[in-house]
Amino acid sequence: MHEETDLVATEEPLEVRIQTAQGEQPLLITMRTPGHDQELVRGWLHSEGFRPLGDLEMVVDPATPNVVVLRSMAVEKLLALARAGFTASACGVCGAGSVERLTLTAPPMHVHAGPLSARWLCSLPAVLEQAQPVYRATGGVHAAGLVSPQGTLLAAFEDVGRHNALDKLIGWAWASDQLPFGDHVLVVTSRAGFEIVQKAVTAGAQTLVSVGAPTSLAVETAVHFGMALVGFLKPNSLKVYAGADRIEP
């Protein structure tokens, strides 16, 4: 046995508050990897159905770097989210009627892209890994990336939370006018649970590929919305759980 210095991924809480006439009200507390906090909050709001971005302002005080205060004319919509009791968790917000409720916030799915090559899809984790410096240094974070049909990695974000990594990507896309994702391919390093598919659907993704396993509700949701869902993505193999007609050998 010997001692050595090792790098570990940073994990700190982030508290999101709403500025009201009566003062600040709590909205969300989540554990995350610091950095791209505004993208994280925007993406979370988008996934929970908050529209539009409009006049939303995020205030960060250097004295309290783990706190983001939201200011918006749509304060009642934000307070409604707080009253609904949304929290970030490992299991997501599931249960009876989840898919039906998602229909209210998801954009229509119009698939125009041609078939995707299975061989090409298998190459995407390696493409994403090139944009994962924290993972290479620590092995302790997830990532979500967006790849164009031409194979260009448009953006990628890392976080200790798989939901957070995807929220950061969606928040970036929302602020950059890159939503819906459309025929771009969404790549995640986590399992494809319902909460990941839910966020992908609200972002208008037509194809979601994951290095991990899907869940039953994730598959049901992907089928319901016409989204191609691929799991167990490896260099030489994959499994298609929805949209098999859009994946070619």
C-alpha atoms as a PDB file:
ATOM      1  CA  MET A   1       0.000   0.000   0.000  1.00  0.00           C
ATOM      2  CA  HIS A   2       1.197   3.520  -0.824  1.00  0.00           C
ATOM      3  CA  GLU A   3      -0.085   7.064  -0.700  1.00  0.00           C
ATOM      4  CA  GLU A   4      -0.582   9.272  -3.733  1.00  0.00           C
ATOM      5  CA  THR A   5      -2.457  12.415  -4.701  1.00  0.00           C
ATOM      6  CA  ASP A   6      -5.611  11.913  -6.718  1.00  0.00           C
ATOM      7  CA  LEU A   7      -8.016  14.297  -8.433  1.00  0.00           C
ATOM      8  CA  VAL A   8     -11.728  14.038  -7.673  1.00  0.00           C
ATOM      9  CA  ALA A   9     -14.700  15.760  -9.280  1.00  0.00           C
ATOM     10  CA  THR A  10     -16.012  18.827  -7.487  1.00  0.00           C
ATOM     11  CA  GLU A  11     -19.528  18.573  -6.076  1.00  0.00           C
ATOM     12  CA  GLU A  12     -21.234  21.520  -4.404  1.00  0.00           C
ATOM     13  CA  PRO A  13     -24.843  22.558  -3.788  1.00  0.00           C
ATOM     14  CA  LEU A  14     -26.554  25.156  -5.935  1.00  0.00           C
ATOM     15  CA  GLU A  15     -29.569  26.981  -4.543  1.00  0.00           C
ATOM     16  CA  VAL A  16     -31.918  28.787  -6.916  1.00  0.00           C
ATOM     17  CA  ARG A  17     -34.145  31.503  -5.486  1.00  0.00           C
ATOM     18  CA  ILE A  18     -36.945  33.658  -6.915  1.00  0.00           C
ATOM     19  CA  GLN A  19     -36.938  37.408  -6.347  1.00  0.00           C
ATOM     20  CA  THR A  20     -40.430  38.553  -5.318  1.00  0.00           C
ATOM     21  CA  ALA A  21     -41.879  41.739  -3.874  1.00  0.00           C
ATOM     22  CA  GLN A  22     -41.836  40.015  -0.493  1.00  0.00           C
ATOM     23  CA  GLY A  23     -38.215  38.913  -0.769  1.00  0.00           C
ATOM     24  CA  GLU A  24     -36.409  35.834  -2.060  1.00  0.00           C
ATOM     25  CA  GLN A  25     -38.280  32.529  -2.248  1.00  0.00           C
ATOM     26  CA  PRO A  26     -36.558  29.131  -2.642  1.00  0.00           C
ATOM     27  CA  LEU A  27     -37.082  27.282  -5.923  1.00  0.00           C
ATOM     28  CA  LEU A  28     -34.480  24.542  -6.248  1.00  0.00           C
ATOM     29  CA  ILE A  29     -31.496  22.995  -4.512  1.00  0.00           C
ATOM     30  CA  THR A  30     -29.343  20.584  -6.502  1.00  0.00           C
ATOM     31  CA  MET A  31     -25.871  19.089  -6.187  1.00  0.00           C
ATOM     32  CA  ARG A  32     -23.744  19.941  -9.187  1.00  0.00           C
ATOM     33  CA  THR A  33     -20.242  20.515 -10.529  1.00  0.00           C
ATOM     34  CA  PRO A  34     -19.684  24.304 -10.366  1.00  0.00           C
ATOM     35  CA  GLY A  35     -19.509  26.047 -13.703  1.00  0.00           C
ATOM     36  CA  HIS A  36     -22.114  26.896 -16.340  1.00  0.00           C
ATOM     37  CA  ASP A  37     -24.654  27.475 -13.571  1.00  0.00           C
ATOM     38  CA  GLN A  38     -26.767  29.785 -15.723  1.00  0.00           C
ATOM     39  CA  GLU A  39     -26.978  27.151 -18.458  1.00  0.00           C
ATOM     40  CA  LEU A  40     -27.937  24.604 -15.792  1.00  0.00           C
ATOM     41  CA  VAL A  41     -30.757  26.759 -14.441  1.00  0.00           C
ATOM     42  CA  ARG A  42     -32.037  27.682 -17.917  1.00  0.00           C
ATOM     43  CA  GLY A  43     -32.054  24.049 -18.971  1.00  0.00           C
ATOM     44  CA  TRP A  44     -33.860  22.951 -15.827  1.00  0.00           C
ATOM     45  CA  LEU A  45     -36.494  25.639 -16.293  1.00  0.00           C
ATOM     46  CA  HIS A  46     -36.985  24.638 -19.925  1.00  0.00           C
ATOM     47  CA  SER A  47     -37.370  20.975 -19.019  1.00  0.00           C
ATOM     48  CA  GLU A  48     -39.983  21.895 -16.408  1.00  0.00           C
ATOM     49  CA  GLY A  49     -42.033  23.824 -18.959  1.00  0.00           C
ATOM     50  CA  PHE A  50     -41.084  27.423 -18.121  1.00  0.00           C
ATOM     51  CA  ARG A  51     -41.635  29.526 -21.255  1.00  0.00           C
ATOM     52  CA  PRO A  52     -40.427  31.862 -22.583  1.00  0.00           C
ATOM     53  CA  LEU A  53     -36.904  32.893 -21.608  1.00  0.00           C
ATOM     54  CA  GLY A  54     -37.964  36.498 -22.179  1.00  0.00           C
ATOM     55  CA  ASP A  55     -36.814  38.903 -19.515  1.00  0.00           C
ATOM     56  CA  LEU A  56     -35.398  36.246 -17.198  1.00  0.00           C
ATOM     57  CA  GLU A  57     -32.409  37.598 -15.306  1.00  0.00           C
ATOM     58  CA  MET A  58     -30.021  35.539 -13.207  1.00  0.00           C
ATOM     59  CA  VAL A  59     -28.142  37.297 -10.448  1.00  0.00           C
ATOM     60  CA  VAL A  60     -25.045  35.776  -8.860  1.00  0.00           C
ATOM     61  CA  ASP A  61     -23.369  37.491  -5.920  1.00  0.00           C
ATOM     62  CA  PRO A  62     -19.613  36.709  -5.783  1.00  0.00           C
ATOM     63  CA  ALA A  63     -19.990  36.502  -2.018  1.00  0.00           C
ATOM     64  CA  THR A  64     -22.450  33.604  -2.417  1.00  0.00           C
ATOM     65  CA  PRO A  65     -21.314  31.763  -5.569  1.00  0.00           C
ATOM     66  CA  ASN A  66     -23.569  28.778  -4.900  1.00  0.00           C
ATOM     67  CA  VAL A  67     -26.751  30.849  -5.046  1.00  0.00           C
ATOM     68  CA  VAL A  68     -28.572  32.062  -8.172  1.00  0.00           C
ATOM     69  CA  VAL A  69     -31.447  34.538  -7.836  1.00  0.00           C
ATOM     70  CA  LEU A  70     -34.026  34.694 -10.626  1.00  0.00           C
ATOM     71  CA  ARG A  71     -35.759  37.914 -11.579  1.00  0.00           C
ATOM     72  CA  SER A  72     -38.588  37.871 -14.099  1.00  0.00           C
ATOM     73  CA  MET A  73     -41.866  39.536 -14.947  1.00  0.00           C
ATOM     74  CA  ALA A  74     -43.216  35.967 -15.051  1.00  0.00           C
ATOM     75  CA  VAL A  75     -42.614  35.574 -11.326  1.00  0.00           C
ATOM     76  CA  GLU A  76     -45.947  33.821 -10.824  1.00  0.00           C
ATOM     77  CA  LYS A  77     -44.896  31.071 -13.228  1.00  0.00           C
ATOM     78  CA  LEU A  78     -41.700  30.600 -11.248  1.00  0.00           C
ATOM     79  CA  LEU A  79     -43.623  30.527  -7.975  1.00  0.00           C
ATOM     80  CA  ALA A  80     -45.922  27.902  -9.490  1.00  0.00           C
ATOM     81  CA  LEU A  81     -42.883  25.681 -10.060  1.00  0.00           C
ATOM     82  CA  ALA A  82     -41.842  26.198  -6.445  1.00  0.00           C
ATOM     83  CA  ARG A  83     -45.337  25.369  -5.179  1.00  0.00           C
ATOM     84  CA  ALA A  84     -45.362  22.206  -7.310  1.00  0.00           C
ATOM     85  CA  GLY A  85     -42.411  21.035  -5.245  1.00  0.00           C
ATOM     86  CA  PHE A  86     -40.051  20.149  -8.119  1.00  0.00           C
ATOM     87  CA  THR A  87     -36.661  18.918  -6.897  1.00  0.00           C
ATOM     88  CA  ALA A  88     -33.613  17.447  -8.603  1.00  0.00           C
ATOM     89  CA  SER A  89     -33.325  13.757  -7.735  1.00  0.00           C
ATOM     90  CA  ALA A  90     -31.812  10.568  -9.025  1.00  0.00           C
ATOM     91  CA  CYS A  91     -35.177   9.069  -9.971  1.00  0.00           C
ATOM     92  CA  GLY A  92     -36.791  11.988 -11.750  1.00  0.00           C
ATOM     93  CA  VAL A  93     -40.469  12.891 -11.612  1.00  0.00           C
ATOM     94  CA  CYS A  94     -42.234   9.727 -12.720  1.00  0.00           C
ATOM     95  CA  GLY A  95     -45.493   7.931 -12.111  1.00  0.00           C
ATOM     96  CA  ALA A  96     -48.894   7.443 -13.673  1.00  0.00           C
ATOM     97  CA  GLY A  97     -49.649  10.000 -16.348  1.00  0.00           C
ATOM     98  CA  SER A  98     -46.044  11.204 -16.740  1.00  0.00           C
ATOM     99  CA  VAL A  99     -45.977  10.659 -20.506  1.00  0.00           C
ATOM    100  CA  GLU A 100     -49.377  12.297 -20.953  1.00  0.00           C
ATOM    101  CA  ARG A 101     -48.339  15.377 -18.961  1.00  0.00           C
ATOM    102  CA  LEU A 102     -45.146  15.626 -21.003  1.00  0.00           C
ATOM    103  CA  THR A 103     -47.256  16.016 -24.136  1.00  0.00           C
ATOM    104  CA  LEU A 104     -48.332  19.431 -22.891  1.00  0.00           C
ATOM    105  CA  THR A 105     -44.778  20.861 -22.989  1.00  0.00           C
ATOM    106  CA  ALA A 106     -43.074  18.875 -25.746  1.00  0.00           C
ATOM    107  CA  PRO A 107     -42.723  20.385 -29.237  1.00  0.00           C
ATOM    108  CA  PRO A 108     -44.181  18.449 -32.203  1.00  0.00           C
ATOM    109  CA  MET A 109     -41.818  15.827 -33.616  1.00  0.00           C
ATOM    110  CA  HIS A 110     -41.174  16.156 -37.358  1.00  0.00           C
ATOM    111  CA  VAL A 111     -38.499  13.744 -38.559  1.00  0.00           C
ATOM    112  CA  HIS A 112     -36.896  14.859 -41.823  1.00  0.00           C
ATOM    113  CA  ALA A 113     -33.437  13.321 -41.501  1.00  0.00           C
ATOM    114  CA  GLY A 114     -32.491  10.144 -43.316  1.00  0.00           C
ATOM    115  CA  PRO A 115     -31.425   6.875 -41.659  1.00  0.00           C
ATOM    116  CA  LEU A 116     -28.520   7.000 -39.213  1.00  0.00           C
ATOM    117  CA  SER A 117     -25.603   4.619 -39.550  1.00  0.00           C
ATOM    118  CA  ALA A 118     -25.178   2.282 -36.584  1.00  0.00           C
ATOM    119  CA  ARG A 119     -21.425   2.310 -37.153  1.00  0.00           C
ATOM    120  CA  TRP A 120     -21.430   6.117 -37.006  1.00  0.00           C
ATOM    121  CA  LEU A 121     -23.501   6.138 -33.823  1.00  0.00           C
ATOM    122  CA  CYS A 122     -21.014   3.750 -32.213  1.00  0.00           C
ATOM    123  CA  SER A 123     -18.260   6.305 -32.816  1.00  0.00           C
ATOM    124  CA  LEU A 124     -20.009   9.121 -30.935  1.00  0.00           C
ATOM    125  CA  PRO A 125     -18.887   8.286 -27.351  1.00  0.00           C
ATOM    126  CA  ALA A 126     -15.274   8.689 -28.498  1.00  0.00           C
ATOM    127  CA  VAL A 127     -16.173  12.036 -30.072  1.00  0.00           C
ATOM    128  CA  LEU A 128     -17.817  13.175 -26.843  1.00  0.00           C
ATOM    129  CA  GLU A 129     -14.921  11.987 -24.698  1.00  0.00           C
ATOM    130  CA  GLN A 130     -12.626  14.477 -26.404  1.00  0.00           C
ATOM    131  CA  ALA A 131     -14.720  17.201 -24.726  1.00  0.00           C
ATOM    132  CA  GLN A 132     -14.625  15.583 -21.276  1.00  0.00           C
ATOM    133  CA  PRO A 133     -11.481  16.898 -19.545  1.00  0.00           C
ATOM    134  CA  VAL A 134     -12.960  16.483 -16.054  1.00  0.00           C
ATOM    135  CA  TYR A 135     -13.893  12.880 -16.769  1.00  0.00           C
ATOM    136  CA  ARG A 136     -10.435  12.103 -18.087  1.00  0.00           C
ATOM    137  CA  ALA A 137      -8.891  13.624 -14.961  1.00  0.00           C
ATOM    138  CA  THR A 138     -11.273  12.167 -12.373  1.00  0.00           C
ATOM    139  CA  GLY A 139     -13.576   9.550 -13.918  1.00  0.00           C
ATOM    140  CA  GLY A 140     -16.312  11.045 -11.741  1.00  0.00           C
ATOM    141  CA  VAL A 141     -18.652  12.994 -14.014  1.00  0.00           C
ATOM    142  CA  HIS A 142     -21.258  12.446 -16.712  1.00  0.00           C
ATOM    143  CA  ALA A 143     -21.498  14.328 -19.988  1.00  0.00           C
ATOM    144  CA  ALA A 144     -24.110  15.327 -22.541  1.00  0.00           C
ATOM    145  CA  GLY A 145     -23.248  16.415 -26.052  1.00  0.00           C
ATOM    146  CA  LEU A 146     -24.970  17.486 -29.241  1.00  0.00           C
ATOM    147  CA  VAL A 147     -23.633  16.175 -32.557  1.00  0.00           C
ATOM    148  CA  SER A 148     -24.687  17.405 -35.992  1.00  0.00           C
ATOM    149  CA  PRO A 149     -25.647  14.913 -38.743  1.00  0.00           C
ATOM    150  CA  GLN A 150     -22.273  15.773 -40.312  1.00  0.00           C
ATOM    151  CA  GLY A 151     -20.449  14.573 -37.179  1.00  0.00           C
ATOM    152  CA  THR A 152     -19.547  17.941 -35.655  1.00  0.00           C
ATOM    153  CA  LEU A 153     -19.706  18.141 -31.875  1.00  0.00           C
ATOM    154  CA  LEU A 154     -21.657  21.376 -31.407  1.00  0.00           C
ATOM    155  CA  ALA A 155     -21.440  21.543 -27.616  1.00  0.00           C
ATOM    156  CA  ALA A 156     -20.784  19.322 -24.590  1.00  0.00           C
ATOM    157  CA  PHE A 157     -21.109  19.759 -20.840  1.00  0.00           C
ATOM    158  CA  GLU A 158     -19.934  17.747 -17.843  1.00  0.00           C
ATOM    159  CA  ASP A 159     -21.411  17.402 -14.363  1.00  0.00           C
ATOM    160  CA  VAL A 160     -21.508  14.972 -11.465  1.00  0.00           C
ATOM    161  CA  GLY A 161     -25.251  14.744 -12.085  1.00  0.00           C
ATOM    162  CA  ARG A 162     -26.393  13.198 -15.350  1.00  0.00           C
ATOM    163  CA  HIS A 163     -29.522  15.375 -15.307  1.00  0.00           C
ATOM    164  CA  ASN A 164     -27.400  18.476 -14.743  1.00  0.00           C
ATOM    165  CA  ALA A 165     -25.104  17.726 -17.674  1.00  0.00           C
ATOM    166  CA  LEU A 166     -28.124  17.534 -19.973  1.00  0.00           C
ATOM    167  CA  ASP A 167     -29.730  20.618 -18.429  1.00  0.00           C
ATOM    168  CA  LYS A 168     -26.521  22.582 -19.066  1.00  0.00           C
ATOM    169  CA  LEU A 169     -26.618  21.513 -22.712  1.00  0.00           C
ATOM    170  CA  ILE A 170     -30.292  22.432 -23.074  1.00  0.00           C
ATOM    171  CA  GLY A 171     -29.704  25.755 -21.324  1.00  0.00           C
ATOM    172  CA  TRP A 172     -26.884  26.548 -23.730  1.00  0.00           C
ATOM    173  CA  ALA A 173     -29.078  25.625 -26.682  1.00  0.00           C
ATOM    174  CA  TRP A 174     -31.996  27.720 -25.413  1.00  0.00           C
ATOM    175  CA  ALA A 175     -29.846  30.822 -24.967  1.00  0.00           C
ATOM    176  CA  SER A 176     -28.125  30.198 -28.338  1.00  0.00           C
ATOM    177  CA  ASP A 177     -31.355  29.723 -30.279  1.00  0.00           C
ATOM    178  CA  GLN A 178     -30.434  26.088 -30.978  1.00  0.00           C
ATOM    179  CA  LEU A 179     -33.750  24.580 -29.878  1.00  0.00           C
ATOM    180  CA  PRO A 180     -35.333  22.316 -30.874  1.00  0.00           C
ATOM    181  CA  PHE A 181     -32.452  19.869 -31.335  1.00  0.00           C
ATOM    182  CA  GLY A 182     -34.181  18.415 -34.390  1.00  0.00           C
ATOM    183  CA  ASP A 183     -31.990  16.070 -36.422  1.00  0.00           C
ATOM    184  CA  HIS A 184     -28.913  16.674 -34.279  1.00  0.00           C
ATOM    185  CA  VAL A 185     -28.032  13.590 -32.220  1.00  0.00           C
ATOM    186  CA  LEU A 186     -28.082  13.864 -28.432  1.00  0.00           C
ATOM    187  CA  VAL A 187     -25.371  11.757 -26.757  1.00  0.00           C
ATOM    188  CA  VAL A 188     -25.285  11.048 -23.006  1.00  0.00           C
ATOM    189  CA  THR A 189     -22.846   9.009 -20.955  1.00  0.00           C
ATOM    190  CA  SER A 190     -25.449   7.940 -18.405  1.00  0.00           C
ATOM    191  CA  ARG A 191     -28.243   5.413 -18.431  1.00  0.00           C
ATOM    192  CA  ALA A 192     -31.329   6.554 -20.307  1.00  0.00           C
ATOM    193  CA  GLY A 193     -33.933   6.807 -17.570  1.00  0.00           C
ATOM    194  CA  PHE A 194     -37.279   8.533 -17.964  1.00  0.00           C
ATOM    195  CA  GLU A 195     -35.931  11.854 -16.702  1.00  0.00           C
ATOM    196  CA  ILE A 196     -33.230  11.918 -19.406  1.00  0.00           C
ATOM    197  CA  VAL A 197     -35.705  11.047 -22.145  1.00  0.00           C
ATOM    198  CA  GLN A 198     -38.175  13.599 -20.756  1.00  0.00           C
ATOM    199  CA  LYS A 199     -35.606  16.368 -21.027  1.00  0.00           C
ATOM    200  CA  ALA A 200     -34.625  15.194 -24.515  1.00  0.00           C
ATOM    201  CA  VAL A 201     -38.248  15.247 -25.653  1.00  0.00           C
ATOM    202  CA  THR A 202     -38.868  18.761 -24.321  1.00  0.00           C
ATOM    203  CA  ALA A 203     -35.730  19.864 -26.198  1.00  0.00           C
ATOM    204  CA  GLY A 204     -37.117  18.417 -29.436  1.00  0.00           C
ATOM    205  CA  ALA A 205     -34.468  15.716 -29.880  1.00  0.00           C
ATOM    206  CA  GLN A 206     -35.252  13.178 -32.602  1.00  0.00           C
ATOM    207  CA  THR A 207     -32.457  10.799 -31.583  1.00  0.00           C
ATOM    208  CA  LEU A 208     -31.020  10.029 -28.145  1.00  0.00           C
ATOM    209  CA  VAL A 209     -28.069   7.676 -27.749  1.00  0.00           C
ATOM    210  CA  SER A 210     -26.749   6.542 -24.387  1.00  0.00           C
ATOM    211  CA  VAL A 211     -23.821   4.464 -23.212  1.00  0.00           C
ATOM    212  CA  GLY A 212     -26.068   3.012 -20.502  1.00  0.00           C
ATOM    213  CA  ALA A 213     -29.320   1.114 -20.252  1.00  0.00           C
ATOM    214  CA  PRO A 214     -32.807   2.544 -20.766  1.00  0.00           C
ATOM    215  CA  THR A 215     -35.749   1.978 -18.441  1.00  0.00           C
ATOM    216  CA  SER A 216     -39.227   0.762 -19.338  1.00  0.00           C
ATOM    217  CA  LEU A 217     -40.791   4.215 -18.986  1.00  0.00           C
ATOM    218  CA  ALA A 218     -37.969   5.751 -21.024  1.00  0.00           C
ATOM    219  CA  VAL A 219     -38.689   3.331 -23.881  1.00  0.00           C
ATOM    220  CA  GLU A 220     -42.436   3.955 -23.587  1.00  0.00           C
ATOM    221  CA  THR A 221     -41.848   7.699 -23.741  1.00  0.00           C
ATOM    222  CA  ALA A 222     -39.523   7.496 -26.740  1.00  0.00           C
ATOM    223  CA  VAL A 223     -42.022   5.337 -28.646  1.00  0.00           C
ATOM    224  CA  HIS A 224     -44.878   7.677 -27.735  1.00  0.00           C
ATOM    225  CA  PHE A 225     -43.063  10.715 -29.107  1.00  0.00           C
ATOM    226  CA  GLY A 226     -41.462   9.038 -32.129  1.00  0.00           C
ATOM    227  CA  MET A 227     -37.920   9.513 -30.856  1.00  0.00           C
ATOM    228  CA  ALA A 228     -35.170   7.031 -31.733  1.00  0.00           C
ATOM    229  CA  LEU A 229     -33.641   5.641 -28.524  1.00  0.00           C
ATOM    230  CA  VAL A 230     -30.338   3.769 -28.541  1.00  0.00           C
ATOM    231  CA  GLY A 231     -28.678   2.252 -25.476  1.00  0.00           C
ATOM    232  CA  PHE A 232     -25.562   0.293 -24.509  1.00  0.00           C
ATOM    233  CA  LEU A 233     -23.556   2.261 -27.055  1.00  0.00           C
ATOM    234  CA  LYS A 234     -20.116   0.674 -27.497  1.00  0.00           C
ATOM    235  CA  PRO A 235     -17.394   0.952 -30.171  1.00  0.00           C
ATOM    236  CA  ASN A 236     -18.712  -2.087 -32.005  1.00  0.00           C
ATOM    237  CA  SER A 237     -22.282  -2.586 -30.821  1.00  0.00           C
ATOM    238  CA  LEU A 238     -25.497  -0.919 -29.723  1.00  0.00           C
ATOM    239  CA  LYS A 239     -29.102  -1.772 -28.903  1.00  0.00           C
ATOM    240  CA  VAL A 240     -32.038   0.059 -30.462  1.00  0.00           C
ATOM    241  CA  TYR A 241     -35.121   0.373 -28.242  1.00  0.00           C
ATOM    242  CA  ALA A 242     -37.237   2.805 -30.295  1.00  0.00           C
ATOM    243  CA  GLY A 243     -37.112   4.086 -33.854  1.00  0.00           C
ATOM    244  CA  ALA A 244     -35.376   1.032 -35.317  1.00  0.00           C
ATOM    245  CA  ASP A 245     -36.557   2.043 -38.806  1.00  0.00           C
ATOM    246  CA  ARG A 246     -34.275   5.088 -38.565  1.00  0.00           C
ATOM    247  CA  ILE A 247     -31.098   3.115 -37.772  1.00  0.00           C
ATOM    248  CA  GLU A 248     -29.307   1.267 -40.546  1.00  0.00           C
ATOM    249  CA  PRO A 249     -26.412  -1.225 -40.212  1.00  0.00           C
END
